[in-house]
Amino acid sequence: MDKESVEATAEVSKTFNEKIRKYCEMTLLSCAYAGTGNVLKVQDLLGHCTEHLEKGEEIHQGPAVLGIAMIAMAEELGLEMAIRSLEHMLQYGEQNIRRAVPLALGLLCISNPKVNVMDTLSRLSHDTDQEVAMAATISLGLIGAGTNNARLAGMLRNLSGHCKDPDLLFCVRIAQGFVHLGKGLLTLNPYHSERFLLSPTALAGIITLLHACLDINSTILKKYHYVLYFVVLAMRPRMLMTVDENLKPLSVPVRVGQAVDVVGQAGRPKSITGFQTHSTPVILAAGDRAELTTEKYIPLSPILEGFVILRKNPDYMDDQ
């Protein structure tokens, strides 16, 4: 998407109250450029975040922080740089910026528990500002959504053991639910097809939840708790299941390993590294890729994710 696609809506938003207009402007801008990795737009949003405004005038800075994560989540390098920028904001930003940073970190590493982000969020979950602590707790759930990550589950158990505040405890329970999403068979990552395509529907569901968490005391902790259900839009299975042409389950050996970027390399380089061989159905973690080990079947999809139909290879000769 680009700026032209949201111009009509942006024009309508100019008739609103000043605060709402700025909030809409930031939200529309970040949605228009979501997943593009546009560095100029990230710099533009960073400029909005560095302004020191009077209380009540800074309402648009939260969506600007989320916008940085939405735009930069496209590829690995931009993602790492965005994480560093967000950590600078934690050190030097105003309090309202600090409340949005954990949510942005949660979006950048959704269903992908990176150790450095996990440690940052764990530290923020003990913050003196309760809203920062609650946002960090929800984000701990988001980065581990559907992974059953043992370290993350332990952190949340420890947090539930010593937190006295019922609101924070509610957030811990939500986060624990996210970590064990679908007993570890689902993911919230809006990227699919080997991180090539972005699902706008899935991203919309996550963004709705994050915008509600920007003012968690007035939304999720009051009478709008059902906003949590919007995250269902992003839930999808993260396993690889192979079926035959009659859609009957078919167990075949596959290699599962860390994906390697082979774009532009000559010959037929290996697309995965550090692989293990399993029989389908098999679960794919964040950044994993699968490939068939047998030539007995030909997949009808070039990308082995979700449900894949296999056809028997007519040229296959059994060694025996």
C-alpha atoms as a PDB file:
ATOM      1  CA  MET A   1       0.000   0.000   0.000  1.00  0.00           C
ATOM      2  CA  ASP A   2       1.037   3.647  -0.218  1.00  0.00           C
ATOM      3  CA  LYS A   3      -0.048   7.146   0.733  1.00  0.00           C
ATOM      4  CA  GLU A   4      -2.491   7.443  -2.228  1.00  0.00           C
ATOM      5  CA  SER A   5      -4.574   4.508  -0.983  1.00  0.00           C
ATOM      6  CA  VAL A   6      -5.401   6.286   2.301  1.00  0.00           C
ATOM      7  CA  GLU A   7      -5.686   9.866   1.022  1.00  0.00           C
ATOM      8  CA  ALA A   8      -9.506   9.865   0.988  1.00  0.00           C
ATOM      9  CA  THR A   9      -9.684   8.673   4.603  1.00  0.00           C
ATOM     10  CA  ALA A  10      -6.956  11.142   5.607  1.00  0.00           C
ATOM     11  CA  GLU A  11      -8.991  14.013   4.126  1.00  0.00           C
ATOM     12  CA  VAL A  12     -12.058  12.973   6.157  1.00  0.00           C
ATOM     13  CA  SER A  13      -9.962  12.776   9.350  1.00  0.00           C
ATOM     14  CA  LYS A  14      -8.948  16.446   8.918  1.00  0.00           C
ATOM     15  CA  THR A  15     -12.471  17.472   9.943  1.00  0.00           C
ATOM     16  CA  PHE A  16     -12.049  15.827  13.366  1.00  0.00           C
ATOM     17  CA  ASN A  17     -10.920  17.323  16.661  1.00  0.00           C
ATOM     18  CA  GLU A  18      -7.166  18.145  16.646  1.00  0.00           C
ATOM     19  CA  LYS A  19      -6.168  15.270  18.977  1.00  0.00           C
ATOM     20  CA  ILE A  20      -8.213  12.650  17.100  1.00  0.00           C
ATOM     21  CA  ARG A  21      -6.977  14.010  13.752  1.00  0.00           C
ATOM     22  CA  LYS A  22      -3.325  13.487  14.724  1.00  0.00           C
ATOM     23  CA  TYR A  23      -4.079  10.021  16.110  1.00  0.00           C
ATOM     24  CA  CYS A  24      -5.856   9.068  12.849  1.00  0.00           C
ATOM     25  CA  GLU A  25      -3.025  10.515  10.776  1.00  0.00           C
ATOM     26  CA  MET A  26      -0.386   8.398  12.548  1.00  0.00           C
ATOM     27  CA  THR A  27      -2.549   5.263  12.369  1.00  0.00           C
ATOM     28  CA  LEU A  28      -3.332   5.712   8.658  1.00  0.00           C
ATOM     29  CA  LEU A  29       0.299   6.425   7.804  1.00  0.00           C
ATOM     30  CA  SER A  30       1.569   3.353   9.644  1.00  0.00           C
ATOM     31  CA  CYS A  31      -1.134   1.109   8.111  1.00  0.00           C
ATOM     32  CA  ALA A  32      -0.441   2.438   4.593  1.00  0.00           C
ATOM     33  CA  TYR A  33       3.267   1.604   4.835  1.00  0.00           C
ATOM     34  CA  ALA A  34       2.963  -1.533   7.024  1.00  0.00           C
ATOM     35  CA  GLY A  35       5.457  -4.215   6.044  1.00  0.00           C
ATOM     36  CA  THR A  36       7.223  -2.048   3.443  1.00  0.00           C
ATOM     37  CA  GLY A  37      10.403  -1.362   5.427  1.00  0.00           C
ATOM     38  CA  ASN A  38      10.290   2.273   4.225  1.00  0.00           C
ATOM     39  CA  VAL A  39      13.192   3.949   6.079  1.00  0.00           C
ATOM     40  CA  LEU A  40      12.004   7.517   5.355  1.00  0.00           C
ATOM     41  CA  LYS A  41       8.626   6.834   6.987  1.00  0.00           C
ATOM     42  CA  VAL A  42      10.325   5.269  10.021  1.00  0.00           C
ATOM     43  CA  GLN A  43      12.442   8.437  10.374  1.00  0.00           C
ATOM     44  CA  ASP A  44       9.301  10.573  10.022  1.00  0.00           C
ATOM     45  CA  LEU A  45       7.585   8.632  12.835  1.00  0.00           C
ATOM     46  CA  LEU A  46      10.740   8.809  14.992  1.00  0.00           C
ATOM     47  CA  GLY A  47      10.592  12.602  14.560  1.00  0.00           C
ATOM     48  CA  HIS A  48       7.049  12.637  15.990  1.00  0.00           C
ATOM     49  CA  CYS A  49       8.194  10.494  18.938  1.00  0.00           C
ATOM     50  CA  THR A  50      11.030  12.859  19.909  1.00  0.00           C
ATOM     51  CA  GLU A  51       8.761  15.904  20.375  1.00  0.00           C
ATOM     52  CA  HIS A  52       8.304  17.027  23.996  1.00  0.00           C
ATOM     53  CA  LEU A  53       4.625  17.964  24.246  1.00  0.00           C
ATOM     54  CA  GLU A  54       2.301  19.164  27.002  1.00  0.00           C
ATOM     55  CA  LYS A  55       0.164  16.617  28.830  1.00  0.00           C
ATOM     56  CA  GLY A  56      -2.919  15.782  26.746  1.00  0.00           C
ATOM     57  CA  GLU A  57      -1.279  16.785  23.466  1.00  0.00           C
ATOM     58  CA  GLU A  58       0.885  13.677  23.124  1.00  0.00           C
ATOM     59  CA  ILE A  59      -1.942  11.244  22.300  1.00  0.00           C
ATOM     60  CA  HIS A  60      -0.631  10.606  18.752  1.00  0.00           C
ATOM     61  CA  GLN A  61       2.833   9.473  19.886  1.00  0.00           C
ATOM     62  CA  GLY A  62       1.672   5.983  20.944  1.00  0.00           C
ATOM     63  CA  PRO A  63       0.425   5.081  17.424  1.00  0.00           C
ATOM     64  CA  ALA A  64       3.664   6.564  16.008  1.00  0.00           C
ATOM     65  CA  VAL A  65       5.731   4.097  18.087  1.00  0.00           C
ATOM     66  CA  LEU A  66       3.527   1.205  16.922  1.00  0.00           C
ATOM     67  CA  GLY A  67       3.882   2.525  13.358  1.00  0.00           C
ATOM     68  CA  ILE A  68       7.672   2.151  13.535  1.00  0.00           C
ATOM     69  CA  ALA A  69       7.227  -1.539  14.380  1.00  0.00           C
ATOM     70  CA  MET A  70       4.579  -2.038  11.667  1.00  0.00           C
ATOM     71  CA  ILE A  71       6.794  -0.585   8.936  1.00  0.00           C
ATOM     72  CA  ALA A  72      10.083  -2.151  10.095  1.00  0.00           C
ATOM     73  CA  MET A  73       8.797  -5.710  10.621  1.00  0.00           C
ATOM     74  CA  ALA A  74       9.278  -6.465   6.892  1.00  0.00           C
ATOM     75  CA  GLU A  75      12.804  -7.883   7.003  1.00  0.00           C
ATOM     76  CA  GLU A  76      15.379  -9.002   9.533  1.00  0.00           C
ATOM     77  CA  LEU A  77      17.854  -6.119   9.251  1.00  0.00           C
ATOM     78  CA  GLY A  78      15.224  -3.376   9.586  1.00  0.00           C
ATOM     79  CA  LEU A  79      13.702  -5.300  12.481  1.00  0.00           C
ATOM     80  CA  GLU A  80      17.009  -5.366  14.403  1.00  0.00           C
ATOM     81  CA  MET A  81      17.542  -1.631  13.807  1.00  0.00           C
ATOM     82  CA  ALA A  82      13.994  -0.855  14.970  1.00  0.00           C
ATOM     83  CA  ILE A  83      14.612  -2.827  18.188  1.00  0.00           C
ATOM     84  CA  ARG A  84      17.716  -0.690  18.856  1.00  0.00           C
ATOM     85  CA  SER A  85      15.785   2.542  18.176  1.00  0.00           C
ATOM     86  CA  LEU A  86      13.019   1.435  20.550  1.00  0.00           C
ATOM     87  CA  GLU A  87      15.576   0.700  23.287  1.00  0.00           C
ATOM     88  CA  HIS A  88      16.905   4.267  22.899  1.00  0.00           C
ATOM     89  CA  MET A  89      13.329   5.528  23.307  1.00  0.00           C
ATOM     90  CA  LEU A  90      13.037   3.582  26.563  1.00  0.00           C
ATOM     91  CA  GLN A  91      16.080   5.434  27.901  1.00  0.00           C
ATOM     92  CA  TYR A  92      15.366   8.943  26.634  1.00  0.00           C
ATOM     93  CA  GLY A  93      11.635   9.050  25.790  1.00  0.00           C
ATOM     94  CA  GLU A  94       8.740  10.586  27.707  1.00  0.00           C
ATOM     95  CA  GLN A  95       6.542   8.377  29.884  1.00  0.00           C
ATOM     96  CA  ASN A  96       3.814   7.977  27.228  1.00  0.00           C
ATOM     97  CA  ILE A  97       6.479   6.744  24.753  1.00  0.00           C
ATOM     98  CA  ARG A  98       7.775   4.221  27.313  1.00  0.00           C
ATOM     99  CA  ARG A  99       4.240   2.821  27.616  1.00  0.00           C
ATOM    100  CA  ALA A 100       4.046   2.136  23.874  1.00  0.00           C
ATOM    101  CA  VAL A 101       7.564   0.710  23.379  1.00  0.00           C
ATOM    102  CA  PRO A 102       6.837  -2.743  24.930  1.00  0.00           C
ATOM    103  CA  LEU A 103       3.836  -3.138  22.596  1.00  0.00           C
ATOM    104  CA  ALA A 104       5.995  -2.241  19.575  1.00  0.00           C
ATOM    105  CA  LEU A 105       8.600  -4.819  20.667  1.00  0.00           C
ATOM    106  CA  GLY A 106       5.811  -7.390  20.998  1.00  0.00           C
ATOM    107  CA  LEU A 107       4.695  -6.682  17.413  1.00  0.00           C
ATOM    108  CA  LEU A 108       8.238  -6.838  15.979  1.00  0.00           C
ATOM    109  CA  CYS A 109       8.950 -10.288  17.444  1.00  0.00           C
ATOM    110  CA  ILE A 110       5.441 -11.752  17.474  1.00  0.00           C
ATOM    111  CA  SER A 111       5.530 -15.554  17.981  1.00  0.00           C
ATOM    112  CA  ASN A 112       9.342 -15.320  17.810  1.00  0.00           C
ATOM    113  CA  PRO A 113      10.829 -15.099  21.331  1.00  0.00           C
ATOM    114  CA  LYS A 114      14.237 -13.454  20.745  1.00  0.00           C
ATOM    115  CA  VAL A 115      16.333 -13.605  23.923  1.00  0.00           C
ATOM    116  CA  ASN A 116      17.332  -9.903  23.992  1.00  0.00           C
ATOM    117  CA  VAL A 117      13.705  -8.744  23.528  1.00  0.00           C
ATOM    118  CA  MET A 118      12.504 -11.244  26.123  1.00  0.00           C
ATOM    119  CA  ASP A 119      15.010  -9.882  28.668  1.00  0.00           C
ATOM    120  CA  THR A 120      14.020  -6.261  27.929  1.00  0.00           C
ATOM    121  CA  LEU A 121      10.309  -7.035  28.368  1.00  0.00           C
ATOM    122  CA  SER A 122      10.984  -9.081  31.507  1.00  0.00           C
ATOM    123  CA  ARG A 123      12.778  -6.057  33.003  1.00  0.00           C
ATOM    124  CA  LEU A 124       9.926  -3.726  32.000  1.00  0.00           C
ATOM    125  CA  SER A 125       7.308  -6.049  33.522  1.00  0.00           C
ATOM    126  CA  HIS A 126       8.715  -4.993  36.939  1.00  0.00           C
ATOM    127  CA  ASP A 127       8.624  -1.270  36.064  1.00  0.00           C
ATOM    128  CA  THR A 128       7.385   1.251  38.640  1.00  0.00           C
ATOM    129  CA  ASP A 129       4.867   2.630  36.103  1.00  0.00           C
ATOM    130  CA  GLN A 130       1.978   0.164  36.151  1.00  0.00           C
ATOM    131  CA  GLU A 131       0.948   0.804  32.521  1.00  0.00           C
ATOM    132  CA  VAL A 132       4.479   0.038  31.289  1.00  0.00           C
ATOM    133  CA  ALA A 133       4.469  -3.174  33.360  1.00  0.00           C
ATOM    134  CA  MET A 134       1.083  -4.266  31.963  1.00  0.00           C
ATOM    135  CA  ALA A 135       2.080  -3.490  28.357  1.00  0.00           C
ATOM    136  CA  ALA A 136       5.331  -5.443  28.829  1.00  0.00           C
ATOM    137  CA  THR A 137       3.446  -8.402  30.301  1.00  0.00           C
ATOM    138  CA  ILE A 138       0.990  -8.559  27.364  1.00  0.00           C
ATOM    139  CA  SER A 139       3.972  -8.277  24.973  1.00  0.00           C
ATOM    140  CA  LEU A 140       5.745 -11.168  26.700  1.00  0.00           C
ATOM    141  CA  GLY A 141       2.690 -13.217  25.759  1.00  0.00           C
ATOM    142  CA  LEU A 142       2.747 -11.926  22.173  1.00  0.00           C
ATOM    143  CA  ILE A 143       6.422 -12.722  21.495  1.00  0.00           C
ATOM    144  CA  GLY A 144       5.915 -16.249  22.807  1.00  0.00           C
ATOM    145  CA  ALA A 145       2.439 -16.781  21.315  1.00  0.00           C
ATOM    146  CA  GLY A 146       1.957 -20.455  20.495  1.00  0.00           C
ATOM    147  CA  THR A 147       5.596 -21.408  21.190  1.00  0.00           C
ATOM    148  CA  ASN A 148       5.219 -23.075  24.624  1.00  0.00           C
ATOM    149  CA  ASN A 149       8.576 -21.404  25.391  1.00  0.00           C
ATOM    150  CA  ALA A 150       9.687 -22.825  28.762  1.00  0.00           C
ATOM    151  CA  ARG A 151      11.777 -19.788  29.800  1.00  0.00           C
ATOM    152  CA  LEU A 152       8.920 -17.418  29.023  1.00  0.00           C
ATOM    153  CA  ALA A 153       6.381 -19.609  30.833  1.00  0.00           C
ATOM    154  CA  GLY A 154       8.701 -19.626  33.878  1.00  0.00           C
ATOM    155  CA  MET A 155       9.006 -15.818  33.802  1.00  0.00           C
ATOM    156  CA  LEU A 156       5.222 -15.420  33.744  1.00  0.00           C
ATOM    157  CA  ARG A 157       4.772 -17.949  36.572  1.00  0.00           C
ATOM    158  CA  ASN A 158       7.266 -16.018  38.715  1.00  0.00           C
ATOM    159  CA  LEU A 159       5.517 -12.764  37.844  1.00  0.00           C
ATOM    160  CA  SER A 160       2.101 -14.157  38.828  1.00  0.00           C
ATOM    161  CA  GLY A 161       3.584 -15.374  42.117  1.00  0.00           C
ATOM    162  CA  HIS A 162       4.707 -11.985  43.382  1.00  0.00           C
ATOM    163  CA  CYS A 163       2.346  -9.462  41.732  1.00  0.00           C
ATOM    164  CA  LYS A 164      -0.286  -8.164  44.140  1.00  0.00           C
ATOM    165  CA  ASP A 165      -2.234  -5.958  41.734  1.00  0.00           C
ATOM    166  CA  PRO A 166      -5.320  -7.713  40.240  1.00  0.00           C
ATOM    167  CA  ASP A 167      -5.046  -5.768  36.956  1.00  0.00           C
ATOM    168  CA  LEU A 168      -1.438  -6.840  36.421  1.00  0.00           C
ATOM    169  CA  LEU A 169      -2.337 -10.406  37.371  1.00  0.00           C
ATOM    170  CA  PHE A 170      -5.103 -10.330  34.720  1.00  0.00           C
ATOM    171  CA  CYS A 171      -2.467  -9.321  32.120  1.00  0.00           C
ATOM    172  CA  VAL A 172      -0.187 -12.155  33.277  1.00  0.00           C
ATOM    173  CA  ARG A 173      -3.007 -14.680  32.805  1.00  0.00           C
ATOM    174  CA  ILE A 174      -3.713 -13.341  29.291  1.00  0.00           C
ATOM    175  CA  ALA A 175       0.020 -13.607  28.470  1.00  0.00           C
ATOM    176  CA  GLN A 176       0.140 -17.180  29.794  1.00  0.00           C
ATOM    177  CA  GLY A 177      -2.793 -18.026  27.525  1.00  0.00           C
ATOM    178  CA  PHE A 178      -0.948 -16.552  24.540  1.00  0.00           C
ATOM    179  CA  VAL A 179       2.239 -18.551  25.245  1.00  0.00           C
ATOM    180  CA  HIS A 180       0.298 -21.837  25.272  1.00  0.00           C
ATOM    181  CA  LEU A 181      -1.909 -20.806  22.327  1.00  0.00           C
ATOM    182  CA  GLY A 182      -3.556 -23.889  20.818  1.00  0.00           C
ATOM    183  CA  LYS A 183      -1.282 -26.069  23.014  1.00  0.00           C
ATOM    184  CA  GLY A 184       1.638 -24.816  20.922  1.00  0.00           C
ATOM    185  CA  LEU A 185       0.097 -25.574  17.512  1.00  0.00           C
ATOM    186  CA  LEU A 186      -0.916 -22.018  16.538  1.00  0.00           C
ATOM    187  CA  THR A 187       0.981 -18.826  15.724  1.00  0.00           C
ATOM    188  CA  LEU A 188       0.088 -15.119  15.557  1.00  0.00           C
ATOM    189  CA  ASN A 189       2.778 -14.189  13.011  1.00  0.00           C
ATOM    190  CA  PRO A 190       1.070 -12.257  10.172  1.00  0.00           C
ATOM    191  CA  TYR A 191       3.858 -13.287   7.751  1.00  0.00           C
ATOM    192  CA  HIS A 192       3.473 -16.563   5.882  1.00  0.00           C
ATOM    193  CA  SER A 193       4.853 -18.353   2.781  1.00  0.00           C
ATOM    194  CA  GLU A 194       8.398 -18.319   4.186  1.00  0.00           C
ATOM    195  CA  ARG A 195       8.083 -14.700   5.399  1.00  0.00           C
ATOM    196  CA  PHE A 196       7.287 -13.540   1.870  1.00  0.00           C
ATOM    197  CA  LEU A 197       3.622 -12.515   2.214  1.00  0.00           C
ATOM    198  CA  LEU A 198       1.939 -10.381   4.883  1.00  0.00           C
ATOM    199  CA  SER A 199      -1.666 -11.115   5.828  1.00  0.00           C
ATOM    200  CA  PRO A 200      -3.431  -7.722   6.230  1.00  0.00           C
ATOM    201  CA  THR A 201      -6.294  -9.399   8.137  1.00  0.00           C
ATOM    202  CA  ALA A 202      -3.939 -10.925  10.702  1.00  0.00           C
ATOM    203  CA  LEU A 203      -2.043  -7.643  11.116  1.00  0.00           C
ATOM    204  CA  ALA A 204      -5.343  -5.740  11.550  1.00  0.00           C
ATOM    205  CA  GLY A 205      -6.364  -8.062  14.402  1.00  0.00           C
ATOM    206  CA  ILE A 206      -3.034  -7.580  16.197  1.00  0.00           C
ATOM    207  CA  ILE A 207      -3.051  -3.789  15.657  1.00  0.00           C
ATOM    208  CA  THR A 208      -6.577  -3.542  17.121  1.00  0.00           C
ATOM    209  CA  LEU A 209      -5.374  -5.272  20.293  1.00  0.00           C
ATOM    210  CA  LEU A 210      -2.229  -3.099  20.535  1.00  0.00           C
ATOM    211  CA  HIS A 211      -4.150   0.164  20.082  1.00  0.00           C
ATOM    212  CA  ALA A 212      -6.504  -0.938  22.876  1.00  0.00           C
ATOM    213  CA  CYS A 213      -3.444  -1.653  25.057  1.00  0.00           C
ATOM    214  CA  LEU A 214      -2.180   1.930  24.562  1.00  0.00           C
ATOM    215  CA  ASP A 215      -4.917   2.937  27.010  1.00  0.00           C
ATOM    216  CA  ILE A 216      -5.368  -0.380  28.756  1.00  0.00           C
ATOM    217  CA  ASN A 217      -6.983   1.086  31.897  1.00  0.00           C
ATOM    218  CA  SER A 218      -9.922   2.505  29.912  1.00  0.00           C
ATOM    219  CA  THR A 219     -10.392  -0.392  27.480  1.00  0.00           C
ATOM    220  CA  ILE A 220      -9.388  -3.956  28.326  1.00  0.00           C
ATOM    221  CA  LEU A 221      -9.477  -3.439  32.104  1.00  0.00           C
ATOM    222  CA  LYS A 222     -12.886  -1.727  31.933  1.00  0.00           C
ATOM    223  CA  LYS A 223     -15.897  -2.853  29.871  1.00  0.00           C
ATOM    224  CA  TYR A 224     -14.133  -3.376  26.520  1.00  0.00           C
ATOM    225  CA  HIS A 225     -12.297  -6.580  27.466  1.00  0.00           C
ATOM    226  CA  TYR A 226     -13.824  -8.301  24.415  1.00  0.00           C
ATOM    227  CA  VAL A 227     -11.357  -6.334  22.230  1.00  0.00           C
ATOM    228  CA  LEU A 228      -8.923  -9.154  23.115  1.00  0.00           C
ATOM    229  CA  TYR A 229     -10.890 -11.425  20.775  1.00  0.00           C
ATOM    230  CA  PHE A 230      -9.714  -9.441  17.721  1.00  0.00           C
ATOM    231  CA  VAL A 231      -6.419 -11.312  18.017  1.00  0.00           C
ATOM    232  CA  VAL A 232      -8.277 -14.413  16.750  1.00  0.00           C
ATOM    233  CA  LEU A 233      -7.941 -12.897  13.249  1.00  0.00           C
ATOM    234  CA  ALA A 234      -4.189 -13.585  13.413  1.00  0.00           C
ATOM    235  CA  MET A 235      -4.349 -17.158  14.717  1.00  0.00           C
ATOM    236  CA  ARG A 236      -3.307 -19.825  12.227  1.00  0.00           C
ATOM    237  CA  PRO A 237      -1.764 -23.308  12.469  1.00  0.00           C
ATOM    238  CA  ARG A 238       2.021 -23.469  12.341  1.00  0.00           C
ATOM    239  CA  MET A 239       2.324 -27.141  11.433  1.00  0.00           C
ATOM    240  CA  LEU A 240       3.061 -28.757   8.091  1.00  0.00           C
ATOM    241  CA  MET A 241       0.561 -31.459   7.159  1.00  0.00           C
ATOM    242  CA  THR A 242       0.863 -33.476   3.971  1.00  0.00           C
ATOM    243  CA  VAL A 243      -2.128 -35.103   2.262  1.00  0.00           C
ATOM    244  CA  ASP A 244      -2.537 -37.159  -0.911  1.00  0.00           C
ATOM    245  CA  GLU A 245      -4.702 -36.184  -3.896  1.00  0.00           C
ATOM    246  CA  ASN A 246      -7.793 -37.580  -2.139  1.00  0.00           C
ATOM    247  CA  LEU A 247      -6.992 -35.339   0.878  1.00  0.00           C
ATOM    248  CA  LYS A 248      -6.151 -38.348   3.055  1.00  0.00           C
ATOM    249  CA  PRO A 249      -3.324 -37.754   5.580  1.00  0.00           C
ATOM    250  CA  LEU A 250       0.030 -38.907   4.248  1.00  0.00           C
ATOM    251  CA  SER A 251       3.144 -39.259   6.415  1.00  0.00           C
ATOM    252  CA  VAL A 252       6.380 -38.509   4.557  1.00  0.00           C
ATOM    253  CA  PRO A 253       9.927 -37.731   5.788  1.00  0.00           C
ATOM    254  CA  VAL A 254      10.848 -34.026   5.700  1.00  0.00           C
ATOM    255  CA  ARG A 255      13.942 -32.046   6.679  1.00  0.00           C
ATOM    256  CA  VAL A 256      13.185 -29.121   9.007  1.00  0.00           C
ATOM    257  CA  GLY A 257      15.853 -26.495   9.656  1.00  0.00           C
ATOM    258  CA  GLN A 258      16.639 -22.793   9.881  1.00  0.00           C
ATOM    259  CA  ALA A 259      15.820 -20.988   6.628  1.00  0.00           C
ATOM    260  CA  VAL A 260      18.740 -19.556   4.625  1.00  0.00           C
ATOM    261  CA  ASP A 261      18.372 -16.655   2.191  1.00  0.00           C
ATOM    262  CA  VAL A 262      19.546 -18.024  -1.190  1.00  0.00           C
ATOM    263  CA  VAL A 263      18.250 -15.219  -3.427  1.00  0.00           C
ATOM    264  CA  GLY A 264      20.675 -14.437  -6.259  1.00  0.00           C
ATOM    265  CA  GLN A 265      23.054 -17.326  -5.512  1.00  0.00           C
ATOM    266  CA  ALA A 266      24.290 -19.444  -8.410  1.00  0.00           C
ATOM    267  CA  GLY A 267      23.503 -23.137  -8.797  1.00  0.00           C
ATOM    268  CA  ARG A 268      21.215 -24.921  -6.330  1.00  0.00           C
ATOM    269  CA  PRO A 269      22.383 -23.827  -2.860  1.00  0.00           C
ATOM    270  CA  LYS A 270      20.950 -25.413   0.274  1.00  0.00           C
ATOM    271  CA  SER A 271      17.888 -23.449   1.448  1.00  0.00           C
ATOM    272  CA  ILE A 272      17.997 -24.731   5.057  1.00  0.00           C
ATOM    273  CA  THR A 273      20.769 -25.269   7.609  1.00  0.00           C
ATOM    274  CA  GLY A 274      21.092 -27.331  10.790  1.00  0.00           C
ATOM    275  CA  PHE A 275      18.189 -29.541   9.800  1.00  0.00           C
ATOM    276  CA  GLN A 276      16.609 -32.559  11.474  1.00  0.00           C
ATOM    277  CA  THR A 277      14.564 -35.217   9.707  1.00  0.00           C
ATOM    278  CA  HIS A 278      10.996 -35.789  10.900  1.00  0.00           C
ATOM    279  CA  SER A 279       7.866 -37.434   9.551  1.00  0.00           C
ATOM    280  CA  THR A 280       4.859 -35.226   8.827  1.00  0.00           C
ATOM    281  CA  PRO A 281       2.799 -33.788  10.448  1.00  0.00           C
ATOM    282  CA  VAL A 282       5.531 -31.559  11.893  1.00  0.00           C
ATOM    283  CA  ILE A 283       5.585 -28.180  13.702  1.00  0.00           C
ATOM    284  CA  LEU A 284       7.556 -25.302  12.148  1.00  0.00           C
ATOM    285  CA  ALA A 285       9.066 -22.778  14.580  1.00  0.00           C
ATOM    286  CA  ALA A 286       9.722 -19.119  13.687  1.00  0.00           C
ATOM    287  CA  GLY A 287      12.263 -18.941  10.849  1.00  0.00           C
ATOM    288  CA  ASP A 288      12.029 -22.672  10.067  1.00  0.00           C
ATOM    289  CA  ARG A 289      11.651 -24.116   6.594  1.00  0.00           C
ATOM    290  CA  ALA A 290      10.834 -27.664   5.476  1.00  0.00           C
ATOM    291  CA  GLU A 291      11.771 -29.664   2.389  1.00  0.00           C
ATOM    292  CA  LEU A 292      10.896 -33.205   1.313  1.00  0.00           C
ATOM    293  CA  THR A 293      13.650 -35.817   1.715  1.00  0.00           C
ATOM    294  CA  THR A 294      12.049 -38.267  -0.705  1.00  0.00           C
ATOM    295  CA  GLU A 295      11.506 -37.979  -4.460  1.00  0.00           C
ATOM    296  CA  LYS A 296       8.590 -40.411  -4.281  1.00  0.00           C
ATOM    297  CA  TYR A 297       6.145 -37.486  -4.099  1.00  0.00           C
ATOM    298  CA  ILE A 298       5.922 -34.111  -5.828  1.00  0.00           C
ATOM    299  CA  PRO A 299       4.396 -31.257  -3.757  1.00  0.00           C
ATOM    300  CA  LEU A 300       1.765 -29.182  -5.588  1.00  0.00           C
ATOM    301  CA  SER A 301       2.953 -26.096  -3.684  1.00  0.00           C
ATOM    302  CA  PRO A 302       6.524 -24.745  -3.878  1.00  0.00           C
ATOM    303  CA  ILE A 303       6.263 -23.654  -0.219  1.00  0.00           C
ATOM    304  CA  LEU A 304       5.839 -26.363   2.394  1.00  0.00           C
ATOM    305  CA  GLU A 305       3.606 -24.710   4.999  1.00  0.00           C
ATOM    306  CA  GLY A 306       0.171 -25.557   6.361  1.00  0.00           C
ATOM    307  CA  PHE A 307      -1.625 -28.193   4.274  1.00  0.00           C
ATOM    308  CA  VAL A 308       0.327 -29.435   1.242  1.00  0.00           C
ATOM    309  CA  ILE A 309      -1.072 -31.850  -1.363  1.00  0.00           C
ATOM    310  CA  LEU A 310       1.453 -34.424  -2.614  1.00  0.00           C
ATOM    311  CA  ARG A 311       1.206 -36.221  -5.953  1.00  0.00           C
ATOM    312  CA  LYS A 312       3.054 -39.487  -6.669  1.00  0.00           C
ATOM    313  CA  ASN A 313       6.105 -38.988  -8.860  1.00  0.00           C
ATOM    314  CA  PRO A 314       5.541 -41.044 -12.052  1.00  0.00           C
ATOM    315  CA  ASP A 315       9.323 -41.149 -12.714  1.00  0.00           C
ATOM    316  CA  TYR A 316      10.233 -42.427  -9.242  1.00  0.00           C
ATOM    317  CA  MET A 317      12.076 -45.756  -9.216  1.00  0.00           C
ATOM    318  CA  ASP A 318      12.369 -47.602  -5.896  1.00  0.00           C
ATOM    319  CA  ASP A 319      15.967 -48.670  -5.237  1.00  0.00           C
ATOM    320  CA  GLN A 320      14.801 -52.101  -4.176  1.00  0.00           C
END
